[in-house]
Amino acid sequence: MRARIPASTLKRLEALEQARGQRKVVALFPELMPVDEWGAIASNMQAELKANIKKDCPPEYDKGDLYQIVFLASC
């Protein structure tokens, strides 16, 4: 049996969240960058993946020489 939440309770909760100024994160997208820069990142990550497949261990993308993609929140 599923619990039902009344619509009035949901409306009050939504009003409270808006009053606090909270915003819900809907999705995360990588920041836009030039194609050449994106290609360099992809080739570095591909090289890391290929090297680790031969070693039979998971890739470590967070190493210092690999670029970390910055995700932007969409609210």
C-alpha atoms as a PDB file:
ATOM      1  CA  MET A   1       0.000   0.000   0.000  1.00  0.00           C
ATOM      2  CA  ARG A   2       1.408   3.353  -1.022  1.00  0.00           C
ATOM      3  CA  ALA A   3       1.196   6.349   1.244  1.00  0.00           C
ATOM      4  CA  ARG A   4      -0.558   9.291  -0.341  1.00  0.00           C
ATOM      5  CA  ILE A   5       0.518  12.830   0.355  1.00  0.00           C
ATOM      6  CA  PRO A   6      -2.238  15.412   0.049  1.00  0.00           C
ATOM      7  CA  ALA A   7      -1.798  18.062  -2.635  1.00  0.00           C
ATOM      8  CA  SER A   8      -2.201  20.792  -0.017  1.00  0.00           C
ATOM      9  CA  THR A   9       0.823  19.445   1.885  1.00  0.00           C
ATOM     10  CA  LEU A  10       2.888  19.409  -1.289  1.00  0.00           C
ATOM     11  CA  LYS A  11       1.861  22.996  -2.059  1.00  0.00           C
ATOM     12  CA  ARG A  12       2.813  24.124   1.458  1.00  0.00           C
ATOM     13  CA  LEU A  13       6.185  22.392   1.167  1.00  0.00           C
ATOM     14  CA  GLU A  14       6.820  24.051  -2.196  1.00  0.00           C
ATOM     15  CA  ALA A  15       5.903  27.449  -0.717  1.00  0.00           C
ATOM     16  CA  LEU A  16       8.305  26.899   2.196  1.00  0.00           C
ATOM     17  CA  GLU A  17      11.143  25.967  -0.154  1.00  0.00           C
ATOM     18  CA  GLN A  18      10.528  29.050  -2.258  1.00  0.00           C
ATOM     19  CA  ALA A  19      10.393  31.250   0.841  1.00  0.00           C
ATOM     20  CA  ARG A  20      13.809  29.955   1.901  1.00  0.00           C
ATOM     21  CA  GLY A  21      15.226  30.692  -1.519  1.00  0.00           C
ATOM     22  CA  GLN A  22      16.283  27.118  -2.134  1.00  0.00           C
ATOM     23  CA  ARG A  23      16.621  26.015  -5.710  1.00  0.00           C
ATOM     24  CA  LYS A  24      16.414  22.423  -6.830  1.00  0.00           C
ATOM     25  CA  VAL A  25      19.187  21.132  -9.066  1.00  0.00           C
ATOM     26  CA  VAL A  26      17.609  19.555 -12.113  1.00  0.00           C
ATOM     27  CA  ALA A  27      20.703  18.458 -14.037  1.00  0.00           C
ATOM     28  CA  LEU A  28      24.473  18.846 -14.265  1.00  0.00           C
ATOM     29  CA  PHE A  29      26.105  19.719 -17.577  1.00  0.00           C
ATOM     30  CA  PRO A  30      29.807  20.119 -18.377  1.00  0.00           C
ATOM     31  CA  GLU A  31      30.847  23.699 -19.033  1.00  0.00           C
ATOM     32  CA  LEU A  32      31.261  24.608 -22.683  1.00  0.00           C
ATOM     33  CA  MET A  33      34.818  24.697 -23.971  1.00  0.00           C
ATOM     34  CA  PRO A  34      36.559  24.820 -27.353  1.00  0.00           C
ATOM     35  CA  VAL A  35      36.617  21.613 -29.380  1.00  0.00           C
ATOM     36  CA  ASP A  36      40.429  21.426 -29.351  1.00  0.00           C
ATOM     37  CA  GLU A  37      40.527  21.605 -25.557  1.00  0.00           C
ATOM     38  CA  TRP A  38      37.776  18.984 -25.282  1.00  0.00           C
ATOM     39  CA  GLY A  39      39.701  16.723 -27.705  1.00  0.00           C
ATOM     40  CA  ALA A  40      42.854  17.001 -25.589  1.00  0.00           C
ATOM     41  CA  ILE A  41      40.911  16.021 -22.480  1.00  0.00           C
ATOM     42  CA  ALA A  42      39.309  13.070 -24.261  1.00  0.00           C
ATOM     43  CA  SER A  43      42.624  11.797 -25.640  1.00  0.00           C
ATOM     44  CA  ASN A  44      44.269  12.001 -22.185  1.00  0.00           C
ATOM     45  CA  MET A  45      41.373  10.107 -20.619  1.00  0.00           C
ATOM     46  CA  GLN A  46      41.436   7.530 -23.420  1.00  0.00           C
ATOM     47  CA  ALA A  47      45.173   6.994 -22.916  1.00  0.00           C
ATOM     48  CA  GLU A  48      44.618   6.532 -19.165  1.00  0.00           C
ATOM     49  CA  LEU A  49      41.827   4.036 -19.834  1.00  0.00           C
ATOM     50  CA  LYS A  50      43.941   2.083 -22.335  1.00  0.00           C
ATOM     51  CA  ALA A  51      46.890   1.898 -19.925  1.00  0.00           C
ATOM     52  CA  ASN A  52      44.708   0.688 -17.081  1.00  0.00           C
ATOM     53  CA  ILE A  53      42.966  -1.949 -19.186  1.00  0.00           C
ATOM     54  CA  LYS A  54      46.370  -3.523 -19.754  1.00  0.00           C
ATOM     55  CA  LYS A  55      47.022  -3.416 -15.978  1.00  0.00           C
ATOM     56  CA  ASP A  56      43.500  -4.715 -15.222  1.00  0.00           C
ATOM     57  CA  CYS A  57      42.672  -1.906 -12.781  1.00  0.00           C
ATOM     58  CA  PRO A  58      40.174   0.977 -12.866  1.00  0.00           C
ATOM     59  CA  PRO A  59      41.288   4.282 -14.423  1.00  0.00           C
ATOM     60  CA  GLU A  60      42.286   7.139 -12.137  1.00  0.00           C
ATOM     61  CA  TYR A  61      40.999  10.212 -13.935  1.00  0.00           C
ATOM     62  CA  ASP A  62      41.623  12.459 -10.933  1.00  0.00           C
ATOM     63  CA  LYS A  63      45.404  12.380 -11.313  1.00  0.00           C
ATOM     64  CA  GLY A  64      47.101  15.769 -11.535  1.00  0.00           C
ATOM     65  CA  ASP A  65      47.881  15.692 -15.267  1.00  0.00           C
ATOM     66  CA  LEU A  66      44.319  14.901 -16.353  1.00  0.00           C
ATOM     67  CA  TYR A  67      41.820  17.715 -16.620  1.00  0.00           C
ATOM     68  CA  GLN A  68      38.787  17.492 -14.388  1.00  0.00           C
ATOM     69  CA  ILE A  69      35.543  18.487 -16.084  1.00  0.00           C
ATOM     70  CA  VAL A  70      33.603  21.170 -14.234  1.00  0.00           C
ATOM     71  CA  PHE A  71      29.862  20.531 -14.082  1.00  0.00           C
ATOM     72  CA  LEU A  72      27.400  23.410 -13.931  1.00  0.00           C
ATOM     73  CA  ALA A  73      24.071  23.014 -12.155  1.00  0.00           C
ATOM     74  CA  SER A  74      20.883  23.756 -14.044  1.00  0.00           C
ATOM     75  CA  CYS A  75      18.075  24.832 -11.740  1.00  0.00           C
END
